[in-house]
Amino acid sequence: MQQDPREAGRDNLSKLVVKVLGTSNKVNVRLTNNTPDVLKIQRGNEMLVTTPGGANNSVVVGVQRLKKGAYNVEAVIEQ
């Protein structure tokens, strides 16, 4: 998972990119926001996303930075 490269160096983070490497299949990924005081995920602090598959096997998640500081969002692949 990474910050959208187009937002590098900006304080007002608005997107995270969840990219699955090593497969072109659709993958279910559970996201858990461990720092809800720093970062708000638009669809909740715990959510399941599914990548579309293909060469760019990634999904964009909308977020809002609430204050400066390190954030931690855990991504776990679900079977």
N, C-alpha and C. Protein backbone atom coordinates (compact mmCIF):
# COMPACT_ATOMS: atom_id res chain seq x y z
N MET A 1 0.85 -1.15 0.00
CA MET A 1 0.00 0.00 0.00
C MET A 1 0.90 1.22 0.00
N GLN A 2 0.51 2.23 -0.75
CA GLN A 2 1.32 3.44 -0.81
C GLN A 2 0.44 4.65 -1.01
N GLN A 3 1.01 5.79 -0.65
CA GLN A 3 0.36 7.05 -0.93
C GLN A 3 0.35 7.24 -2.44
N ASP A 4 -0.69 7.85 -2.97
CA ASP A 4 -0.74 8.15 -4.40
C ASP A 4 0.48 9.00 -4.73
N PRO A 5 1.34 8.57 -5.66
CA PRO A 5 2.57 9.30 -5.97
C PRO A 5 2.34 10.75 -6.38
N ARG A 6 1.18 11.07 -6.92
CA ARG A 6 0.89 12.45 -7.32
C ARG A 6 0.69 13.36 -6.12
N GLU A 7 0.55 12.77 -4.92
CA GLU A 7 0.33 13.56 -3.71
C GLU A 7 1.57 13.62 -2.83
N ALA A 8 2.70 13.15 -3.32
CA ALA A 8 3.94 13.12 -2.54
C ALA A 8 4.29 14.52 -2.05
N GLY A 9 4.61 14.63 -0.77
CA GLY A 9 5.02 15.89 -0.19
C GLY A 9 3.88 16.81 0.20
N ARG A 10 2.66 16.43 -0.06
CA ARG A 10 1.51 17.26 0.30
C ARG A 10 0.97 16.85 1.66
N ASP A 11 0.48 17.81 2.41
CA ASP A 11 -0.09 17.53 3.73
C ASP A 11 -1.50 16.97 3.64
N ASN A 12 -2.24 17.30 2.59
CA ASN A 12 -3.64 16.91 2.51
C ASN A 12 -3.82 15.64 1.68
N LEU A 13 -3.34 14.54 2.22
CA LEU A 13 -3.46 13.22 1.60
C LEU A 13 -4.93 12.91 1.33
N SER A 14 -5.26 12.44 0.12
CA SER A 14 -6.66 12.11 -0.17
C SER A 14 -6.85 10.71 -0.75
N LYS A 15 -5.75 10.00 -1.06
CA LYS A 15 -5.88 8.66 -1.65
C LYS A 15 -4.74 7.76 -1.20
N LEU A 16 -5.07 6.50 -0.99
CA LEU A 16 -4.07 5.45 -0.83
C LEU A 16 -4.28 4.45 -1.95
N VAL A 17 -3.19 3.90 -2.46
CA VAL A 17 -3.26 2.91 -3.52
C VAL A 17 -2.88 1.55 -2.93
N VAL A 18 -3.78 0.57 -3.07
CA VAL A 18 -3.52 -0.79 -2.62
C VAL A 18 -3.22 -1.60 -3.88
N LYS A 19 -1.98 -2.07 -4.00
CA LYS A 19 -1.56 -2.81 -5.20
C LYS A 19 -1.08 -4.19 -4.80
N VAL A 20 -1.59 -5.21 -5.48
CA VAL A 20 -1.20 -6.59 -5.22
C VAL A 20 -0.22 -7.01 -6.31
N LEU A 21 0.95 -7.47 -5.89
CA LEU A 21 1.99 -7.92 -6.82
C LEU A 21 2.01 -9.44 -6.88
N GLY A 22 2.47 -9.98 -8.00
CA GLY A 22 2.66 -11.42 -8.11
C GLY A 22 1.48 -12.19 -8.67
N THR A 23 0.39 -11.51 -8.95
CA THR A 23 -0.77 -12.18 -9.56
C THR A 23 -1.56 -11.17 -10.36
N SER A 24 -2.23 -11.65 -11.39
CA SER A 24 -3.14 -10.79 -12.15
C SER A 24 -4.59 -11.16 -11.85
N ASN A 25 -4.80 -12.00 -10.84
CA ASN A 25 -6.15 -12.38 -10.42
C ASN A 25 -6.73 -11.33 -9.48
N LYS A 26 -8.05 -11.30 -9.36
CA LYS A 26 -8.71 -10.46 -8.37
C LYS A 26 -8.32 -10.96 -6.98
N VAL A 27 -8.10 -10.02 -6.05
CA VAL A 27 -7.69 -10.39 -4.70
C VAL A 27 -8.49 -9.57 -3.69
N ASN A 28 -9.00 -10.24 -2.64
CA ASN A 28 -9.66 -9.56 -1.54
C ASN A 28 -8.61 -9.13 -0.52
N VAL A 29 -8.64 -7.86 -0.14
CA VAL A 29 -7.68 -7.32 0.82
C VAL A 29 -8.44 -6.62 1.93
N ARG A 30 -8.19 -7.02 3.19
CA ARG A 30 -8.81 -6.37 4.34
C ARG A 30 -7.89 -5.26 4.82
N LEU A 31 -8.44 -4.04 4.90
CA LEU A 31 -7.69 -2.89 5.38
C LEU A 31 -8.15 -2.55 6.79
N THR A 32 -7.19 -2.28 7.67
CA THR A 32 -7.48 -1.87 9.03
C THR A 32 -6.69 -0.60 9.32
N ASN A 33 -7.39 0.46 9.67
CA ASN A 33 -6.77 1.73 10.00
C ASN A 33 -6.39 1.71 11.48
N ASN A 34 -5.10 1.63 11.77
CA ASN A 34 -4.62 1.58 13.15
C ASN A 34 -4.36 2.96 13.73
N THR A 35 -4.57 4.01 12.95
CA THR A 35 -4.35 5.38 13.43
C THR A 35 -5.53 6.27 13.03
N PRO A 36 -6.74 5.99 13.53
CA PRO A 36 -7.91 6.77 13.12
C PRO A 36 -7.86 8.23 13.58
N ASP A 37 -6.99 8.55 14.53
CA ASP A 37 -6.85 9.94 14.95
C ASP A 37 -6.02 10.76 13.96
N VAL A 38 -5.25 10.08 13.09
CA VAL A 38 -4.39 10.75 12.10
C VAL A 38 -5.00 10.68 10.70
N LEU A 39 -5.62 9.55 10.37
CA LEU A 39 -6.11 9.31 9.01
C LEU A 39 -7.52 8.73 9.06
N LYS A 40 -8.41 9.29 8.26
CA LYS A 40 -9.78 8.79 8.17
C LYS A 40 -9.96 8.13 6.81
N ILE A 41 -10.36 6.86 6.82
CA ILE A 41 -10.69 6.16 5.58
C ILE A 41 -12.16 6.41 5.31
N GLN A 42 -12.49 6.84 4.11
CA GLN A 42 -13.85 7.27 3.80
C GLN A 42 -14.90 6.20 4.06
N ARG A 43 -14.56 4.94 3.87
CA ARG A 43 -15.56 3.88 4.05
C ARG A 43 -15.43 3.16 5.38
N GLY A 44 -14.71 3.73 6.34
CA GLY A 44 -14.62 3.14 7.67
C GLY A 44 -13.22 2.68 8.01
N ASN A 45 -12.98 2.44 9.30
CA ASN A 45 -11.64 2.07 9.77
C ASN A 45 -11.27 0.62 9.49
N GLU A 46 -12.26 -0.19 9.14
CA GLU A 46 -11.97 -1.56 8.70
C GLU A 46 -12.86 -1.83 7.50
N MET A 47 -12.25 -2.31 6.42
CA MET A 47 -13.02 -2.54 5.21
C MET A 47 -12.38 -3.62 4.36
N LEU A 48 -13.17 -4.20 3.49
CA LEU A 48 -12.69 -5.20 2.55
C LEU A 48 -12.77 -4.59 1.16
N VAL A 49 -11.64 -4.62 0.44
CA VAL A 49 -11.62 -4.15 -0.95
C VAL A 49 -11.21 -5.31 -1.83
N THR A 50 -11.63 -5.26 -3.08
CA THR A 50 -11.26 -6.29 -4.05
C THR A 50 -10.58 -5.62 -5.22
N THR A 51 -9.36 -6.06 -5.52
CA THR A 51 -8.65 -5.52 -6.67
C THR A 51 -9.29 -6.05 -7.94
N PRO A 52 -9.16 -5.32 -9.05
CA PRO A 52 -9.83 -5.73 -10.28
C PRO A 52 -9.11 -6.83 -11.06
N GLY A 53 -7.87 -7.14 -10.67
CA GLY A 53 -7.08 -8.08 -11.45
C GLY A 53 -6.41 -7.36 -12.61
N GLY A 54 -5.69 -8.10 -13.42
CA GLY A 54 -5.02 -7.51 -14.57
C GLY A 54 -3.61 -7.06 -14.25
N ALA A 55 -2.99 -6.39 -15.22
CA ALA A 55 -1.59 -5.97 -15.09
C ALA A 55 -1.40 -4.96 -13.97
N ASN A 56 -2.33 -4.01 -13.83
CA ASN A 56 -2.25 -3.02 -12.76
C ASN A 56 -3.27 -3.40 -11.69
N ASN A 57 -2.94 -4.41 -10.92
CA ASN A 57 -3.87 -5.02 -9.97
C ASN A 57 -3.95 -4.16 -8.70
N SER A 58 -4.61 -3.00 -8.82
CA SER A 58 -4.65 -2.08 -7.69
C SER A 58 -6.02 -1.43 -7.56
N VAL A 59 -6.28 -0.92 -6.37
CA VAL A 59 -7.51 -0.21 -6.08
C VAL A 59 -7.15 1.05 -5.29
N VAL A 60 -7.88 2.13 -5.54
CA VAL A 60 -7.64 3.40 -4.85
C VAL A 60 -8.68 3.56 -3.75
N VAL A 61 -8.21 3.94 -2.56
CA VAL A 61 -9.08 4.13 -1.40
C VAL A 61 -9.02 5.60 -1.00
N GLY A 62 -10.18 6.22 -0.86
CA GLY A 62 -10.24 7.61 -0.45
C GLY A 62 -9.97 7.76 1.04
N VAL A 63 -9.13 8.73 1.40
CA VAL A 63 -8.79 8.99 2.80
C VAL A 63 -8.75 10.49 3.04
N GLN A 64 -8.71 10.85 4.31
CA GLN A 64 -8.54 12.25 4.70
C GLN A 64 -7.56 12.29 5.86
N ARG A 65 -6.49 13.06 5.70
CA ARG A 65 -5.53 13.23 6.81
C ARG A 65 -6.14 14.22 7.79
N LEU A 66 -6.25 13.81 9.05
CA LEU A 66 -6.86 14.64 10.08
C LEU A 66 -5.85 15.55 10.77
N LYS A 67 -4.59 15.07 10.85
CA LYS A 67 -3.52 15.87 11.43
C LYS A 67 -2.19 15.32 10.96
N LYS A 68 -1.14 16.10 11.14
CA LYS A 68 0.19 15.64 10.76
C LYS A 68 0.61 14.50 11.67
N GLY A 69 1.45 13.63 11.13
CA GLY A 69 1.95 12.51 11.91
C GLY A 69 1.93 11.24 11.08
N ALA A 70 2.59 10.23 11.60
CA ALA A 70 2.66 8.95 10.91
C ALA A 70 1.31 8.24 10.99
N TYR A 71 0.95 7.58 9.91
CA TYR A 71 -0.28 6.78 9.90
C TYR A 71 0.08 5.33 9.64
N ASN A 72 -0.84 4.43 10.03
CA ASN A 72 -0.60 3.01 9.85
C ASN A 72 -1.89 2.35 9.41
N VAL A 73 -1.91 1.85 8.18
CA VAL A 73 -3.04 1.11 7.66
C VAL A 73 -2.53 -0.28 7.30
N GLU A 74 -3.09 -1.29 7.93
CA GLU A 74 -2.67 -2.67 7.71
C GLU A 74 -3.48 -3.26 6.56
N ALA A 75 -2.80 -3.97 5.66
CA ALA A 75 -3.45 -4.63 4.53
C ALA A 75 -3.15 -6.12 4.61
N VAL A 76 -4.20 -6.94 4.68
CA VAL A 76 -4.04 -8.39 4.79
C VAL A 76 -4.86 -9.05 3.68
N ILE A 77 -4.21 -9.93 2.93
CA ILE A 77 -4.90 -10.66 1.86
C ILE A 77 -5.78 -11.73 2.49
N GLU A 78 -7.04 -11.76 2.05
CA GLU A 78 -7.99 -12.77 2.55
C GLU A 78 -8.16 -13.85 1.50
N GLN A 79 -8.26 -15.08 1.96
CA GLN A 79 -8.43 -16.22 1.06
C GLN A 79 -9.88 -16.44 0.73
